[in-house]
Amino acid sequence: MDLFEECLAGRHRSKFTVTGTTIGKYCLSPFIVWCNAFAPAEEMEPQSQYQHLLFERGIEHEKKAVSELFGSAVHLSFESLEDGFKLALELCKKGVSSLTNVPFFFLKDDIYGIFDVLEKREGRSVFGNHYYVVKEIKSAKNIKHEYVLQCAFYNYLLGKVQGFVPDKFYLINKELKEFE
């Protein structure tokens, strides 16, 4: 079984898959996570205009950060998350120096996420004589606890797939400062 199939094995086993967003929401309130998983969709509050504005600003900030800090990175475009994951694995095996918008799955443990940036480092992994580290971009000036835990989760997910958990991960704030 190849790495792609191995990471997707177990899909549809659970109705609940943990994502980076799940981790962030859990830090704010475990009840939010429960509601997202089990409450009827018609009972959910619609997104407010303010929440929508924050979401849009976050997307714009991420585009700016990627352009300024990772201009030469390969930006993944794909039809489905699974197609994006397959492409990401192929590029990681080739040793591409950095990738953006990177979906990763490890469905044996019911986890997946979309990394803002993966950056190559020298060392051993399933990809060969290199491995990758996660860099997450946030539109806040101050790095919050939930951002750190979300990125730690992504680091764990990355480690499950590449067979090596990096000892560092990175957050980039609104001012484009990188925190290790």
Protein backbone atom coordinates (compact mmCIF):
# COMPACT_ATOMS: atom_id res chain seq x y z
CA MET A 1 0.00 0.00 0.00
CA ASP A 2 1.44 3.41 -0.91
CA LEU A 3 1.63 6.36 1.50
CA PHE A 4 -1.45 8.06 0.04
CA GLU A 5 -3.64 4.99 0.49
CA GLU A 6 -2.15 4.26 3.91
CA CYS A 7 -3.00 7.78 5.15
CA LEU A 8 -6.54 7.58 3.78
CA ALA A 9 -7.17 4.08 5.16
CA GLY A 10 -9.95 4.17 7.71
CA ARG A 11 -11.91 6.95 6.01
CA HIS A 12 -15.62 6.89 6.78
CA ARG A 13 -14.88 4.91 9.93
CA SER A 14 -15.92 7.79 12.15
CA LYS A 15 -18.51 10.49 11.81
CA PHE A 16 -16.19 12.89 13.61
CA THR A 17 -12.80 13.91 12.25
CA VAL A 18 -10.54 16.23 14.22
CA THR A 19 -9.08 19.21 12.33
CA GLY A 20 -6.99 22.21 13.28
CA THR A 21 -10.21 24.21 13.50
CA THR A 22 -11.58 21.65 15.97
CA ILE A 23 -8.56 22.19 18.21
CA GLY A 24 -8.89 25.99 18.06
CA LYS A 25 -12.59 25.87 18.85
CA TYR A 26 -12.03 23.41 21.69
CA CYS A 27 -9.64 25.89 23.32
CA LEU A 28 -12.39 28.50 23.24
CA SER A 29 -15.17 26.15 24.37
CA PRO A 30 -15.52 22.36 24.27
CA PHE A 31 -19.26 22.96 23.93
CA ILE A 32 -18.69 24.57 20.51
CA VAL A 33 -17.02 21.36 19.34
CA TRP A 34 -19.89 19.26 20.67
CA CYS A 35 -22.45 21.51 18.92
CA ASN A 36 -20.57 21.36 15.61
CA ALA A 37 -20.45 17.56 15.82
CA PHE A 38 -23.90 16.72 17.18
CA ALA A 39 -26.33 19.66 17.15
CA PRO A 40 -28.86 19.88 14.29
CA ALA A 41 -27.57 22.12 11.49
CA GLU A 42 -30.80 24.15 11.48
CA GLU A 43 -30.14 25.14 15.12
CA MET A 44 -26.73 26.68 14.37
CA GLU A 45 -26.36 30.43 14.44
CA PRO A 46 -25.49 31.90 11.05
CA GLN A 47 -22.14 33.62 10.71
CA SER A 48 -22.40 37.27 11.75
CA GLN A 49 -21.21 40.09 9.51
CA TYR A 50 -18.37 40.72 11.95
CA GLN A 51 -17.27 37.06 11.86
CA HIS A 52 -17.44 37.15 8.08
CA LEU A 53 -15.32 40.32 8.01
CA LEU A 54 -12.69 38.73 10.28
CA PHE A 55 -12.65 35.63 8.08
CA GLU A 56 -12.17 37.71 4.92
CA ARG A 57 -9.40 39.78 6.53
CA GLY A 58 -7.68 36.57 7.59
CA ILE A 59 -7.74 35.28 4.03
CA GLU A 60 -6.32 38.55 2.70
CA HIS A 61 -3.58 38.57 5.34
CA GLU A 62 -2.64 34.99 4.52
CA LYS A 63 -2.38 35.85 0.81
CA LYS A 64 -0.18 38.85 1.64
CA ALA A 65 2.06 36.82 3.95
CA VAL A 66 2.44 33.99 1.44
CA SER A 67 3.26 36.47 -1.33
CA GLU A 68 5.83 38.39 0.73
CA LEU A 69 7.43 35.55 2.68
CA PHE A 70 6.94 32.50 0.44
CA GLY A 71 6.73 33.93 -3.07
CA SER A 72 8.65 31.05 -4.61
CA ALA A 73 6.61 28.34 -2.86
CA VAL A 74 4.45 25.97 -4.87
CA HIS A 75 0.82 26.93 -4.23
CA LEU A 76 -1.45 23.90 -4.44
CA SER A 77 -4.68 24.11 -6.40
CA PHE A 78 -6.93 21.07 -6.53
CA GLU A 79 -10.45 19.81 -7.23
CA SER A 80 -10.79 17.87 -3.96
CA LEU A 81 -8.85 17.74 -0.71
CA GLU A 82 -7.79 14.19 -1.53
CA ASP A 83 -6.41 15.33 -4.90
CA GLY A 84 -4.51 18.11 -3.10
CA PHE A 85 -3.10 15.63 -0.60
CA LYS A 86 -1.94 13.29 -3.36
CA LEU A 87 -0.25 16.20 -5.15
CA ALA A 88 1.36 17.38 -1.89
CA LEU A 89 2.82 13.91 -1.24
CA GLU A 90 4.25 13.78 -4.78
CA LEU A 91 5.85 17.21 -4.37
CA CYS A 92 7.21 16.35 -0.92
CA LYS A 93 8.80 13.19 -2.33
CA LYS A 94 10.42 15.32 -5.04
CA GLY A 95 11.83 17.61 -2.33
CA VAL A 96 10.12 20.86 -3.25
CA SER A 97 11.49 23.55 -0.90
CA SER A 98 8.11 24.96 0.19
CA LEU A 99 4.41 24.48 -0.45
CA THR A 100 1.33 26.50 0.47
CA ASN A 101 -2.34 25.51 0.92
CA VAL A 102 -1.44 21.92 1.75
CA PRO A 103 -4.11 19.37 2.79
CA PHE A 104 -2.84 16.41 4.84
CA PHE A 105 -4.76 13.37 6.09
CA PHE A 106 -4.15 10.57 8.57
CA LEU A 107 -7.56 8.96 8.73
CA LYS A 108 -6.46 5.97 10.81
CA ASP A 109 -6.59 8.49 13.65
CA ASP A 110 -9.48 10.50 12.11
CA ILE A 111 -7.39 13.65 11.69
CA TYR A 112 -6.70 16.03 8.84
CA GLY A 113 -5.77 19.63 8.25
CA ILE A 114 -4.80 22.20 5.66
CA PHE A 115 -1.37 23.67 6.36
CA ASP A 116 -0.69 27.25 5.34
CA VAL A 117 2.97 26.47 4.58
CA LEU A 118 5.23 23.42 4.57
CA GLU A 119 8.94 24.15 4.43
CA LYS A 120 11.71 21.64 3.72
CA ARG A 121 14.53 20.84 6.16
CA GLU A 122 17.49 18.46 5.98
CA GLY A 123 16.96 15.16 7.81
CA ARG A 124 15.30 11.77 7.40
CA SER A 125 11.61 11.09 6.74
CA VAL A 126 9.50 8.92 4.46
CA PHE A 127 10.27 11.50 1.78
CA GLY A 128 14.02 10.75 1.81
CA ASN A 129 16.87 12.89 3.12
CA HIS A 130 14.54 15.73 4.03
CA TYR A 131 11.45 16.42 6.09
CA TYR A 132 9.01 19.29 6.38
CA VAL A 133 7.98 21.75 9.09
CA VAL A 134 4.65 23.53 9.48
CA LYS A 135 4.27 27.30 9.34
CA GLU A 136 0.86 28.77 10.14
CA ILE A 137 -0.16 32.33 9.33
CA LYS A 138 -2.44 34.25 11.68
CA SER A 139 -3.92 37.71 11.22
CA ALA A 140 -3.60 38.58 14.91
CA LYS A 141 -0.70 40.58 16.32
CA ASN A 142 -0.51 38.47 19.47
CA ILE A 143 -0.11 34.72 19.28
CA LYS A 144 -2.94 33.12 21.23
CA HIS A 145 -2.97 29.79 23.07
CA GLU A 146 -5.42 28.28 20.59
CA TYR A 147 -3.11 29.17 17.67
CA VAL A 148 -0.20 27.38 19.32
CA LEU A 149 -2.30 24.27 19.99
CA GLN A 150 -3.69 24.29 16.45
CA CYS A 151 -0.17 24.45 15.02
CA ALA A 152 1.03 21.75 17.46
CA PHE A 153 -1.82 19.57 16.17
CA TYR A 154 -0.69 20.21 12.58
CA ASN A 155 2.87 19.31 13.59
CA TYR A 156 1.57 16.04 15.06
CA LEU A 157 -0.43 15.30 11.88
CA LEU A 158 2.59 16.07 9.71
CA GLY A 159 4.68 13.71 11.85
CA LYS A 160 2.16 10.88 11.44
CA VAL A 161 2.41 11.19 7.65
CA GLN A 162 6.13 11.83 7.18
CA GLY A 163 7.26 9.41 9.89
CA PHE A 164 9.08 12.14 11.80
CA VAL A 165 7.67 14.77 14.15
CA PRO A 166 9.68 18.00 13.87
CA ASP A 167 10.75 19.42 17.23
CA LYS A 168 9.70 22.92 16.12
CA PHE A 169 6.75 24.51 14.36
CA TYR A 170 6.18 28.15 13.48
CA LEU A 171 3.50 30.82 13.70
CA ILE A 172 3.55 34.02 11.68
CA ASN A 173 1.58 36.97 13.04
CA LYS A 174 -0.10 40.03 11.54
CA GLU A 175 3.21 41.89 11.44
CA LEU A 176 4.78 38.97 9.52
CA LYS A 177 6.98 38.08 12.50
CA GLU A 178 7.76 34.42 12.82
CA PHE A 179 7.53 32.71 16.22
CA GLU A 180 9.08 29.31 16.89
